[in-house]
Amino acid sequence: MNNESCDNNVEERNCCCNNDYDNDRKEMLMKIKEYDFALDELNLYLDTHPDDAQALCLHNNYARTLRDLETQYQKVYGPLTANYPCNKWRWLEEPWPWERGIM
């Protein structure tokens, strides 16, 4: 992962006056959740239908799209989980999900 993608201005990201920023973040996070859910469902389907080439192709496309969305999200908003480290530990700089009303 490219570490320079994590060098965002924390104060600018946390500005409560920037509703467009917050809406864009929520929309992107929702898309990530949707693709993640779809991949889980396709995984289960492929467990019982391993020869379904169309489902496998769809799984591969969704996996690629999810990876791209996660990369894009993290470049703008910071890491999604501790599995995506940056140049420094940023968890304490961000509001927790319940502080943003995301949960």
Protein backbone atom coordinates (compact mmCIF):
# COMPACT_ATOMS: atom_id res chain seq x y z
CA MET A 1 0.00 0.00 0.00
CA ASN A 2 1.17 3.49 -0.77
CA ASN A 3 1.81 5.26 2.53
CA GLU A 4 1.49 8.73 1.04
CA SER A 5 -2.24 8.09 0.66
CA CYS A 6 -2.59 8.43 4.43
CA ASP A 7 -1.08 11.90 4.74
CA ASN A 8 -4.35 13.82 4.97
CA ASN A 9 -5.05 16.92 7.01
CA VAL A 10 -6.95 15.57 10.02
CA GLU A 11 -8.47 18.90 11.01
CA GLU A 12 -9.86 19.40 7.51
CA ARG A 13 -11.35 15.87 7.47
CA ASN A 14 -13.01 16.33 10.86
CA CYS A 15 -14.64 19.68 10.08
CA CYS A 16 -18.26 19.40 11.18
CA CYS A 17 -19.25 22.14 8.71
CA ASN A 18 -18.44 20.08 5.64
CA ASN A 19 -21.69 18.16 5.02
CA ASP A 20 -20.74 17.21 1.46
CA TYR A 21 -17.56 15.64 2.78
CA ASP A 22 -19.53 13.63 5.36
CA ASN A 23 -22.19 12.58 2.82
CA ASP A 24 -19.54 11.47 0.32
CA ARG A 25 -17.83 9.49 3.04
CA LYS A 26 -21.09 7.78 4.05
CA GLU A 27 -21.96 6.98 0.43
CA MET A 28 -18.55 5.47 -0.24
CA LEU A 29 -18.65 3.48 3.00
CA MET A 30 -22.11 2.16 2.07
CA LYS A 31 -20.83 1.02 -1.33
CA ILE A 32 -17.95 -0.77 0.38
CA LYS A 33 -20.40 -2.53 2.69
CA GLU A 34 -22.63 -3.50 -0.23
CA TYR A 35 -19.80 -5.04 -2.23
CA ASP A 36 -18.45 -6.77 0.87
CA PHE A 37 -21.88 -8.30 1.54
CA ALA A 38 -22.28 -9.37 -2.09
CA LEU A 39 -18.87 -11.04 -1.99
CA ASP A 40 -19.79 -12.94 1.16
CA GLU A 41 -22.97 -14.18 -0.51
CA LEU A 42 -21.12 -15.17 -3.67
CA ASN A 43 -18.57 -17.03 -1.55
CA LEU A 44 -21.36 -19.07 0.00
CA TYR A 45 -22.95 -19.73 -3.38
CA LEU A 46 -19.64 -20.80 -4.91
CA ASP A 47 -19.09 -23.21 -2.03
CA THR A 48 -22.04 -25.22 -3.34
CA HIS A 49 -21.72 -24.32 -7.05
CA PRO A 50 -17.95 -24.28 -7.71
CA ASP A 51 -18.37 -24.81 -11.48
CA ASP A 52 -20.59 -21.75 -12.06
CA ALA A 53 -18.32 -19.69 -14.30
CA GLN A 54 -20.70 -16.71 -14.37
CA ALA A 55 -20.78 -16.51 -10.55
CA LEU A 56 -17.00 -16.83 -10.40
CA CYS A 57 -16.61 -14.02 -12.93
CA LEU A 58 -19.03 -11.85 -10.93
CA HIS A 59 -17.10 -12.65 -7.73
CA ASN A 60 -13.82 -11.61 -9.35
CA ASN A 61 -15.34 -8.36 -10.65
CA TYR A 62 -16.84 -7.52 -7.25
CA ALA A 63 -13.57 -8.32 -5.49
CA ARG A 64 -11.69 -5.99 -7.83
CA THR A 65 -14.29 -3.24 -7.39
CA LEU A 66 -14.23 -3.63 -3.60
CA ARG A 67 -10.44 -3.43 -3.52
CA ASP A 68 -10.55 -0.26 -5.65
CA LEU A 69 -13.24 1.31 -3.45
CA GLU A 70 -11.30 0.51 -0.28
CA THR A 71 -8.12 1.99 -1.74
CA GLN A 72 -9.96 5.13 -2.86
CA TYR A 73 -11.69 5.49 0.52
CA GLN A 74 -8.44 5.16 2.44
CA LYS A 75 -6.67 7.73 0.27
CA VAL A 76 -9.35 10.29 1.15
CA TYR A 77 -10.61 9.33 4.62
CA GLY A 78 -7.90 7.19 6.21
CA PRO A 79 -7.65 3.51 7.10
CA LEU A 80 -10.74 1.31 7.34
CA THR A 81 -9.15 -1.13 9.77
CA ALA A 82 -5.85 -1.74 11.52
CA ASN A 83 -4.97 -4.01 8.59
CA TYR A 84 -4.37 -0.91 6.47
CA PRO A 85 -1.50 0.87 8.27
CA CYS A 86 -0.24 4.32 7.40
CA ASN A 87 2.92 6.23 8.24
CA LYS A 88 1.65 6.68 11.78
CA TRP A 89 -1.04 5.25 13.99
CA ARG A 90 -4.13 7.35 13.25
CA TRP A 91 -6.92 5.66 15.18
CA LEU A 92 -6.84 8.25 17.95
CA GLU A 93 -7.09 11.14 15.47
CA GLU A 94 -10.40 10.00 13.99
CA PRO A 95 -13.78 10.06 15.70
CA TRP A 96 -14.95 6.57 16.64
CA PRO A 97 -17.84 5.20 14.54
CA TRP A 98 -20.40 5.84 17.30
CA GLU A 99 -19.14 9.44 17.57
CA ARG A 100 -19.94 9.96 13.87
CA GLY A 101 -23.29 8.19 14.05
CA ILE A 102 -22.25 5.55 11.53
CA MET A 103 -23.20 2.47 13.49
